[in-house]
Amino acid sequence: MRKYEVMYIIRPDVEQEAVQALVEKFQGIIQNGGEITKHDVMGKRRLAYEINKIRDGIYVLVNFTATPEVVAELERILKISDEVIRYLITKDVA
């Protein structure tokens, strides 16, 4: 198992309960073959640049260890989620 880091940005117009449900959904995907080491919902912040006329977003950062299959499934789900504006999954080298 390798160490990974994922950061995803949720649209700011999503209600708090829906944000919590999304976060739990993504955590469940990771924990289905991996282990979360750090999880941080950073809250609403201004984006560096406008994406589809959206200026703010709810940032979530997760550090985890998992197999490449779990990462592929997480990426697939993030890609098709309408509430997620952007995401980035990287291998943690440290």
C-alpha atoms as a PDB file:
ATOM      1  CA  MET A   1       0.000   0.000   0.000  1.00  0.00           C
ATOM      2  CA  ARG A   2       1.197   3.481  -0.869  1.00  0.00           C
ATOM      3  CA  LYS A   3       0.636   6.871   0.720  1.00  0.00           C
ATOM      4  CA  TYR A   4      -1.622   9.284  -1.151  1.00  0.00           C
ATOM      5  CA  GLU A   5      -3.088  12.729  -0.702  1.00  0.00           C
ATOM      6  CA  VAL A   6      -6.342  13.924  -2.246  1.00  0.00           C
ATOM      7  CA  MET A   7      -7.701  17.451  -2.232  1.00  0.00           C
ATOM      8  CA  TYR A   8     -11.101  18.155  -3.661  1.00  0.00           C
ATOM      9  CA  ILE A   9     -13.202  21.310  -3.865  1.00  0.00           C
ATOM     10  CA  ILE A  10     -16.957  21.158  -3.388  1.00  0.00           C
ATOM     11  CA  ARG A  11     -19.298  23.795  -4.848  1.00  0.00           C
ATOM     12  CA  PRO A  12     -20.120  26.523  -2.274  1.00  0.00           C
ATOM     13  CA  ASP A  13     -23.907  26.317  -2.813  1.00  0.00           C
ATOM     14  CA  VAL A  14     -24.072  22.741  -1.465  1.00  0.00           C
ATOM     15  CA  GLU A  15     -25.750  22.589   1.966  1.00  0.00           C
ATOM     16  CA  GLN A  16     -23.772  21.522   5.043  1.00  0.00           C
ATOM     17  CA  GLU A  17     -25.602  18.180   5.381  1.00  0.00           C
ATOM     18  CA  ALA A  18     -24.867  17.347   1.743  1.00  0.00           C
ATOM     19  CA  VAL A  19     -21.203  18.299   2.213  1.00  0.00           C
ATOM     20  CA  GLN A  20     -20.989  15.948   5.205  1.00  0.00           C
ATOM     21  CA  ALA A  21     -22.661  13.168   3.192  1.00  0.00           C
ATOM     22  CA  LEU A  22     -20.179  13.656   0.322  1.00  0.00           C
ATOM     23  CA  VAL A  23     -17.206  13.593   2.691  1.00  0.00           C
ATOM     24  CA  GLU A  24     -18.480  10.376   4.312  1.00  0.00           C
ATOM     25  CA  LYS A  25     -19.066   8.830   0.874  1.00  0.00           C
ATOM     26  CA  PHE A  26     -15.483   9.517  -0.211  1.00  0.00           C
ATOM     27  CA  GLN A  27     -14.145   8.309   3.148  1.00  0.00           C
ATOM     28  CA  GLY A  28     -16.080   5.063   2.710  1.00  0.00           C
ATOM     29  CA  ILE A  29     -14.504   4.514  -0.700  1.00  0.00           C
ATOM     30  CA  ILE A  30     -11.022   5.048   0.735  1.00  0.00           C
ATOM     31  CA  GLN A  31     -11.654   2.825   3.770  1.00  0.00           C
ATOM     32  CA  ASN A  32     -12.848   0.000   1.498  1.00  0.00           C
ATOM     33  CA  GLY A  33      -9.255  -1.194   1.087  1.00  0.00           C
ATOM     34  CA  GLY A  34      -7.256   1.675   2.552  1.00  0.00           C
ATOM     35  CA  GLU A  35      -6.722   3.654   5.731  1.00  0.00           C
ATOM     36  CA  ILE A  36      -7.193   7.386   6.333  1.00  0.00           C
ATOM     37  CA  THR A  37      -4.305   8.931   8.275  1.00  0.00           C
ATOM     38  CA  LYS A  38      -5.440  12.575   8.247  1.00  0.00           C
ATOM     39  CA  HIS A  39      -8.696  14.243   7.269  1.00  0.00           C
ATOM     40  CA  ASP A  40      -9.302  17.995   7.199  1.00  0.00           C
ATOM     41  CA  VAL A  41     -12.350  19.916   5.980  1.00  0.00           C
ATOM     42  CA  MET A  42     -10.741  23.311   5.469  1.00  0.00           C
ATOM     43  CA  GLY A  43     -14.016  25.136   4.880  1.00  0.00           C
ATOM     44  CA  LYS A  44     -15.069  27.733   2.336  1.00  0.00           C
ATOM     45  CA  ARG A  45     -12.216  29.607   0.663  1.00  0.00           C
ATOM     46  CA  ARG A  46     -11.729  31.780  -2.393  1.00  0.00           C
ATOM     47  CA  LEU A  47     -10.478  29.941  -5.475  1.00  0.00           C
ATOM     48  CA  ALA A  48      -7.258  31.068  -7.145  1.00  0.00           C
ATOM     49  CA  TYR A  49      -9.223  31.577 -10.363  1.00  0.00           C
ATOM     50  CA  GLU A  50     -12.859  31.402 -11.379  1.00  0.00           C
ATOM     51  CA  ILE A  51     -14.125  27.974 -12.493  1.00  0.00           C
ATOM     52  CA  ASN A  52     -17.433  27.944 -14.416  1.00  0.00           C
ATOM     53  CA  LYS A  53     -18.379  31.328 -12.854  1.00  0.00           C
ATOM     54  CA  ILE A  54     -17.753  29.953  -9.336  1.00  0.00           C
ATOM     55  CA  ARG A  55     -15.419  32.026  -7.143  1.00  0.00           C
ATOM     56  CA  ASP A  56     -15.490  30.098  -3.809  1.00  0.00           C
ATOM     57  CA  GLY A  57     -15.326  26.454  -2.819  1.00  0.00           C
ATOM     58  CA  ILE A  58     -15.276  24.133   0.185  1.00  0.00           C
ATOM     59  CA  TYR A  59     -11.827  22.555   0.394  1.00  0.00           C
ATOM     60  CA  VAL A  60     -11.271  19.037   1.765  1.00  0.00           C
ATOM     61  CA  LEU A  61      -7.813  17.478   2.262  1.00  0.00           C
ATOM     62  CA  VAL A  62      -7.324  13.761   2.989  1.00  0.00           C
ATOM     63  CA  ASN A  63      -4.077  11.829   3.523  1.00  0.00           C
ATOM     64  CA  PHE A  64      -4.434   8.068   3.247  1.00  0.00           C
ATOM     65  CA  THR A  65      -2.726   4.785   2.417  1.00  0.00           C
ATOM     66  CA  ALA A  66      -4.333   2.511  -0.142  1.00  0.00           C
ATOM     67  CA  THR A  67      -3.849   0.234  -3.102  1.00  0.00           C
ATOM     68  CA  PRO A  68      -3.885   1.634  -6.657  1.00  0.00           C
ATOM     69  CA  GLU A  69      -7.284   0.004  -7.246  1.00  0.00           C
ATOM     70  CA  VAL A  70      -8.858   2.054  -4.416  1.00  0.00           C
ATOM     71  CA  VAL A  71      -7.319   5.228  -5.849  1.00  0.00           C
ATOM     72  CA  ALA A  72      -8.703   4.430  -9.310  1.00  0.00           C
ATOM     73  CA  GLU A  73     -12.200   3.920  -7.869  1.00  0.00           C
ATOM     74  CA  LEU A  74     -11.959   7.160  -5.849  1.00  0.00           C
ATOM     75  CA  GLU A  75     -10.906   9.071  -8.950  1.00  0.00           C
ATOM     76  CA  ARG A  76     -13.786   7.600 -10.944  1.00  0.00           C
ATOM     77  CA  ILE A  77     -16.333   8.659  -8.320  1.00  0.00           C
ATOM     78  CA  LEU A  78     -14.810  12.147  -7.941  1.00  0.00           C
ATOM     79  CA  LYS A  79     -14.909  12.601 -11.710  1.00  0.00           C
ATOM     80  CA  ILE A  80     -18.650  11.896 -11.989  1.00  0.00           C
ATOM     81  CA  SER A  81     -19.728  13.840  -8.865  1.00  0.00           C
ATOM     82  CA  ASP A  82     -21.501  17.036  -9.883  1.00  0.00           C
ATOM     83  CA  GLU A  83     -20.823  18.678  -6.506  1.00  0.00           C
ATOM     84  CA  VAL A  84     -17.024  18.444  -6.933  1.00  0.00           C
ATOM     85  CA  ILE A  85     -15.489  21.329  -8.900  1.00  0.00           C
ATOM     86  CA  ARG A  86     -11.882  20.089  -8.958  1.00  0.00           C
ATOM     87  CA  TYR A  87      -9.831  17.304  -7.388  1.00  0.00           C
ATOM     88  CA  LEU A  88      -6.208  16.247  -7.302  1.00  0.00           C
ATOM     89  CA  ILE A  89      -4.797  12.904  -6.134  1.00  0.00           C
ATOM     90  CA  THR A  90      -1.032  12.719  -5.591  1.00  0.00           C
ATOM     91  CA  LYS A  91       1.373  10.122  -4.258  1.00  0.00           C
ATOM     92  CA  ASP A  92       2.879  11.269  -0.967  1.00  0.00           C
ATOM     93  CA  VAL A  93       6.655  10.835  -1.168  1.00  0.00           C
ATOM     94  CA  ALA A  94       7.410  11.836   2.433  1.00  0.00           C
END
